[in-house]
Amino acid sequence: MSELFGDDFITITDEDGVEYELEVLCSVEYQGKTYLGVCSADTEEDAELEVSVLKVTMEDGEEILEAVTDEEELAAVYDLLLEDYENQEAEVDEPEES
């Protein structure tokens, strides 16, 4: 992956017991909830990046990641994730002062 992103990797297990390793690209807050922008950890550097949005919820005292199904919520969170990405990219592109 690009140097823009850190080494934040998570492994999730779906309801069928299949495990997926994901890279967390960024996280944002929206209406008091935390959302993660993630992509497959297996994505080739030259491949087109497919970003998924997951919402962090609490269930029985444990953090659970779930897909965002509401289209308005997804659009709002996607805009925030894109803004966060652009801000990170701008920070990387800024020349360091000596």
N, C-alpha and C. Protein backbone atom coordinates (compact mmCIF):
# COMPACT_ATOMS: atom_id res chain seq x y z
N MET A 1 0.84 -1.19 0.00
CA MET A 1 0.00 0.00 0.00
C MET A 1 0.88 1.24 0.00
N SER A 2 0.24 2.31 -0.23
CA SER A 2 0.92 3.60 -0.29
C SER A 2 1.47 3.97 1.09
N GLU A 3 2.54 4.78 1.09
CA GLU A 3 3.10 5.25 2.36
C GLU A 3 2.14 6.19 3.07
N LEU A 4 1.10 6.64 2.36
CA LEU A 4 0.13 7.54 2.95
C LEU A 4 -0.58 6.88 4.12
N PHE A 5 -0.79 5.58 4.04
CA PHE A 5 -1.54 4.87 5.06
C PHE A 5 -0.60 4.19 6.03
N GLY A 6 -1.08 4.01 7.24
CA GLY A 6 -0.27 3.39 8.26
C GLY A 6 -0.35 1.88 8.20
N ASP A 7 0.10 1.26 9.26
CA ASP A 7 0.07 -0.19 9.35
C ASP A 7 -1.08 -0.63 10.24
N ASP A 8 -2.27 -0.07 10.01
CA ASP A 8 -3.43 -0.43 10.80
C ASP A 8 -4.21 -1.52 10.09
N PHE A 9 -4.01 -2.75 10.54
CA PHE A 9 -4.68 -3.89 9.95
C PHE A 9 -5.58 -4.54 10.98
N ILE A 10 -6.73 -5.01 10.52
CA ILE A 10 -7.65 -5.73 11.38
C ILE A 10 -8.08 -7.00 10.66
N THR A 11 -8.46 -7.98 11.43
CA THR A 11 -9.03 -9.20 10.86
C THR A 11 -10.46 -9.29 11.35
N ILE A 12 -11.37 -9.45 10.41
CA ILE A 12 -12.77 -9.60 10.79
C ILE A 12 -13.25 -10.98 10.35
N THR A 13 -14.26 -11.47 11.04
CA THR A 13 -14.86 -12.76 10.73
C THR A 13 -16.33 -12.53 10.45
N ASP A 14 -16.80 -13.01 9.29
CA ASP A 14 -18.21 -12.83 8.97
C ASP A 14 -19.05 -13.90 9.66
N GLU A 15 -20.37 -13.84 9.47
CA GLU A 15 -21.27 -14.76 10.16
C GLU A 15 -21.08 -16.22 9.72
N ASP A 16 -20.39 -16.44 8.59
CA ASP A 16 -20.11 -17.79 8.13
C ASP A 16 -18.75 -18.30 8.61
N GLY A 17 -18.04 -17.48 9.42
CA GLY A 17 -16.76 -17.89 9.95
C GLY A 17 -15.57 -17.62 9.04
N VAL A 18 -15.81 -16.92 7.93
CA VAL A 18 -14.73 -16.60 6.99
C VAL A 18 -14.01 -15.35 7.50
N GLU A 19 -12.67 -15.43 7.56
CA GLU A 19 -11.86 -14.31 8.04
C GLU A 19 -11.35 -13.47 6.87
N TYR A 20 -11.32 -12.16 7.08
CA TYR A 20 -10.80 -11.21 6.10
C TYR A 20 -9.82 -10.28 6.79
N GLU A 21 -8.68 -10.05 6.16
CA GLU A 21 -7.72 -9.07 6.70
C GLU A 21 -7.94 -7.77 5.94
N LEU A 22 -8.15 -6.69 6.69
CA LEU A 22 -8.43 -5.39 6.11
C LEU A 22 -7.42 -4.37 6.60
N GLU A 23 -7.13 -3.40 5.75
CA GLU A 23 -6.31 -2.27 6.15
C GLU A 23 -7.24 -1.11 6.45
N VAL A 24 -7.09 -0.51 7.63
CA VAL A 24 -7.89 0.65 8.00
C VAL A 24 -7.21 1.87 7.42
N LEU A 25 -7.90 2.52 6.49
CA LEU A 25 -7.34 3.70 5.83
C LEU A 25 -7.53 4.95 6.68
N CYS A 26 -8.70 5.07 7.30
CA CYS A 26 -8.96 6.20 8.18
C CYS A 26 -10.23 5.93 8.97
N SER A 27 -10.45 6.74 9.97
CA SER A 27 -11.69 6.65 10.73
C SER A 27 -12.21 8.06 10.92
N VAL A 28 -13.54 8.18 10.95
CA VAL A 28 -14.19 9.47 11.13
C VAL A 28 -15.34 9.31 12.10
N GLU A 29 -15.73 10.42 12.69
CA GLU A 29 -16.89 10.46 13.56
C GLU A 29 -18.03 11.12 12.80
N TYR A 30 -19.24 10.55 12.93
CA TYR A 30 -20.43 11.12 12.31
C TYR A 30 -21.61 10.84 13.23
N GLN A 31 -22.26 11.89 13.67
CA GLN A 31 -23.42 11.80 14.55
C GLN A 31 -23.15 10.88 15.75
N GLY A 32 -21.98 11.06 16.36
CA GLY A 32 -21.65 10.33 17.57
C GLY A 32 -21.21 8.90 17.38
N LYS A 33 -21.07 8.46 16.15
CA LYS A 33 -20.62 7.10 15.86
C LYS A 33 -19.30 7.14 15.12
N THR A 34 -18.52 6.06 15.25
CA THR A 34 -17.24 5.95 14.56
C THR A 34 -17.41 5.07 13.33
N TYR A 35 -16.81 5.51 12.23
CA TYR A 35 -16.86 4.77 10.97
C TYR A 35 -15.43 4.57 10.48
N LEU A 36 -15.19 3.43 9.85
CA LEU A 36 -13.87 3.11 9.30
C LEU A 36 -13.95 3.00 7.79
N GLY A 37 -12.97 3.58 7.12
CA GLY A 37 -12.77 3.35 5.70
C GLY A 37 -11.73 2.26 5.59
N VAL A 38 -12.09 1.12 5.00
CA VAL A 38 -11.18 -0.03 4.94
C VAL A 38 -11.08 -0.55 3.51
N CYS A 39 -9.98 -1.24 3.26
CA CYS A 39 -9.82 -1.96 1.99
C CYS A 39 -9.16 -3.29 2.29
N SER A 40 -9.20 -4.18 1.34
CA SER A 40 -8.58 -5.49 1.51
C SER A 40 -7.08 -5.32 1.70
N ALA A 41 -6.52 -6.05 2.63
CA ALA A 41 -5.08 -5.98 2.87
C ALA A 41 -4.31 -6.62 1.72
N ASP A 42 -5.01 -7.38 0.89
CA ASP A 42 -4.37 -8.07 -0.23
C ASP A 42 -4.36 -7.26 -1.51
N THR A 43 -4.83 -6.02 -1.47
CA THR A 43 -4.91 -5.20 -2.68
C THR A 43 -3.52 -4.92 -3.24
N GLU A 44 -3.35 -5.19 -4.52
CA GLU A 44 -2.08 -4.90 -5.20
C GLU A 44 -1.91 -3.39 -5.29
N GLU A 45 -0.66 -2.93 -5.26
CA GLU A 45 -0.39 -1.50 -5.27
C GLU A 45 -0.90 -0.84 -6.55
N ASP A 46 -0.88 -1.55 -7.68
CA ASP A 46 -1.33 -0.99 -8.95
C ASP A 46 -2.84 -1.12 -9.16
N ALA A 47 -3.50 -1.89 -8.32
CA ALA A 47 -4.94 -2.15 -8.48
C ALA A 47 -5.75 -0.94 -8.04
N GLU A 48 -6.95 -0.84 -8.59
CA GLU A 48 -7.86 0.22 -8.19
C GLU A 48 -8.32 -0.06 -6.76
N LEU A 49 -8.25 0.94 -5.91
CA LEU A 49 -8.58 0.78 -4.50
C LEU A 49 -10.09 0.74 -4.32
N GLU A 50 -10.59 -0.33 -3.70
CA GLU A 50 -11.99 -0.45 -3.37
C GLU A 50 -12.15 -0.26 -1.88
N VAL A 51 -12.78 0.84 -1.50
CA VAL A 51 -12.93 1.20 -0.09
C VAL A 51 -14.33 0.83 0.38
N SER A 52 -14.40 0.19 1.52
CA SER A 52 -15.68 -0.14 2.16
C SER A 52 -15.80 0.70 3.42
N VAL A 53 -17.03 0.99 3.79
CA VAL A 53 -17.30 1.77 5.00
C VAL A 53 -17.97 0.85 6.01
N LEU A 54 -17.38 0.80 7.21
CA LEU A 54 -17.93 -0.01 8.29
C LEU A 54 -18.22 0.88 9.49
N LYS A 55 -19.34 0.61 10.16
CA LYS A 55 -19.71 1.36 11.36
C LYS A 55 -19.33 0.55 12.59
N VAL A 56 -18.74 1.22 13.58
CA VAL A 56 -18.37 0.57 14.83
C VAL A 56 -19.55 0.71 15.79
N THR A 57 -20.07 -0.42 16.25
CA THR A 57 -21.15 -0.42 17.23
C THR A 57 -20.74 -1.29 18.41
N MET A 58 -21.43 -1.12 19.51
CA MET A 58 -21.15 -1.92 20.71
C MET A 58 -22.26 -2.95 20.88
N GLU A 59 -21.85 -4.19 21.14
CA GLU A 59 -22.80 -5.27 21.38
C GLU A 59 -22.26 -6.13 22.51
N ASP A 60 -22.97 -6.17 23.60
CA ASP A 60 -22.54 -6.92 24.78
C ASP A 60 -21.15 -6.49 25.24
N GLY A 61 -20.87 -5.18 25.19
CA GLY A 61 -19.59 -4.65 25.64
C GLY A 61 -18.44 -4.88 24.68
N GLU A 62 -18.73 -5.36 23.49
CA GLU A 62 -17.70 -5.66 22.50
C GLU A 62 -17.93 -4.82 21.24
N GLU A 63 -16.83 -4.30 20.66
CA GLU A 63 -16.96 -3.55 19.42
C GLU A 63 -17.28 -4.49 18.26
N ILE A 64 -18.30 -4.14 17.50
CA ILE A 64 -18.71 -4.91 16.34
C ILE A 64 -18.65 -3.98 15.13
N LEU A 65 -18.17 -4.49 14.01
CA LEU A 65 -18.15 -3.73 12.77
C LEU A 65 -19.31 -4.20 11.90
N GLU A 66 -20.07 -3.24 11.37
CA GLU A 66 -21.19 -3.61 10.52
C GLU A 66 -21.24 -2.72 9.29
N ALA A 67 -21.79 -3.27 8.24
CA ALA A 67 -21.94 -2.52 6.99
C ALA A 67 -22.97 -1.41 7.18
N VAL A 68 -22.78 -0.30 6.48
CA VAL A 68 -23.73 0.80 6.52
C VAL A 68 -24.73 0.56 5.40
N THR A 69 -26.01 0.42 5.75
CA THR A 69 -27.03 0.11 4.76
C THR A 69 -27.88 1.31 4.36
N ASP A 70 -27.93 2.32 5.20
CA ASP A 70 -28.70 3.52 4.89
C ASP A 70 -27.94 4.37 3.88
N GLU A 71 -28.54 4.65 2.74
CA GLU A 71 -27.86 5.36 1.66
C GLU A 71 -27.46 6.79 2.04
N GLU A 72 -28.30 7.51 2.78
CA GLU A 72 -27.97 8.87 3.19
C GLU A 72 -26.81 8.87 4.18
N GLU A 73 -26.85 7.96 5.12
CA GLU A 73 -25.77 7.83 6.10
C GLU A 73 -24.46 7.48 5.39
N LEU A 74 -24.53 6.53 4.46
CA LEU A 74 -23.35 6.11 3.72
C LEU A 74 -22.76 7.27 2.92
N ALA A 75 -23.60 8.04 2.25
CA ALA A 75 -23.13 9.17 1.45
C ALA A 75 -22.45 10.22 2.33
N ALA A 76 -23.05 10.52 3.49
CA ALA A 76 -22.47 11.52 4.40
C ALA A 76 -21.12 11.05 4.94
N VAL A 77 -21.05 9.79 5.34
CA VAL A 77 -19.80 9.25 5.89
C VAL A 77 -18.74 9.16 4.80
N TYR A 78 -19.13 8.76 3.61
CA TYR A 78 -18.18 8.68 2.49
C TYR A 78 -17.57 10.05 2.22
N ASP A 79 -18.39 11.11 2.24
CA ASP A 79 -17.87 12.46 2.04
C ASP A 79 -16.86 12.83 3.11
N LEU A 80 -17.14 12.46 4.36
CA LEU A 80 -16.19 12.74 5.45
C LEU A 80 -14.90 11.95 5.27
N LEU A 81 -15.01 10.69 4.86
CA LEU A 81 -13.82 9.87 4.64
C LEU A 81 -12.98 10.44 3.50
N LEU A 82 -13.63 10.90 2.44
CA LEU A 82 -12.92 11.48 1.32
C LEU A 82 -12.20 12.76 1.74
N GLU A 83 -12.87 13.58 2.55
CA GLU A 83 -12.26 14.81 3.06
C GLU A 83 -11.05 14.48 3.93
N ASP A 84 -11.18 13.46 4.79
CA ASP A 84 -10.07 13.04 5.64
C ASP A 84 -8.90 12.55 4.79
N TYR A 85 -9.19 11.76 3.76
CA TYR A 85 -8.16 11.26 2.86
C TYR A 85 -7.44 12.42 2.18
N GLU A 86 -8.19 13.40 1.68
CA GLU A 86 -7.58 14.54 1.01
C GLU A 86 -6.70 15.34 1.97
N ASN A 87 -7.13 15.47 3.22
CA ASN A 87 -6.31 16.17 4.22
C ASN A 87 -5.02 15.40 4.50
N GLN A 88 -5.11 14.08 4.58
CA GLN A 88 -3.91 13.26 4.80
C GLN A 88 -2.96 13.39 3.62
N GLU A 89 -3.52 13.37 2.41
CA GLU A 89 -2.71 13.47 1.20
C GLU A 89 -2.01 14.83 1.14
N ALA A 90 -2.71 15.89 1.53
CA ALA A 90 -2.12 17.23 1.53
C ALA A 90 -0.97 17.31 2.52
N GLU A 91 -1.10 16.66 3.67
CA GLU A 91 -0.04 16.66 4.68
C GLU A 91 1.20 15.94 4.16
N VAL A 92 1.00 14.86 3.42
CA VAL A 92 2.12 14.10 2.86
C VAL A 92 2.81 14.90 1.78
N ASP A 93 2.04 15.65 0.98
CA ASP A 93 2.59 16.42 -0.13
C ASP A 93 3.29 17.71 0.29
N GLU A 94 3.01 18.20 1.51
CA GLU A 94 3.63 19.45 1.96
C GLU A 94 5.13 19.26 2.16
N PRO A 95 5.94 20.17 1.63
CA PRO A 95 7.39 20.06 1.85
C PRO A 95 7.73 20.37 3.30
N GLU A 96 8.71 19.65 3.80
CA GLU A 96 9.13 19.88 5.18
C GLU A 96 10.00 21.13 5.24
N GLU A 97 9.78 21.93 6.30
CA GLU A 97 10.60 23.12 6.48
C GLU A 97 11.83 22.74 7.29
N SER A 98 12.97 23.33 6.93
CA SER A 98 14.19 23.01 7.67
C SER A 98 14.64 24.16 8.51
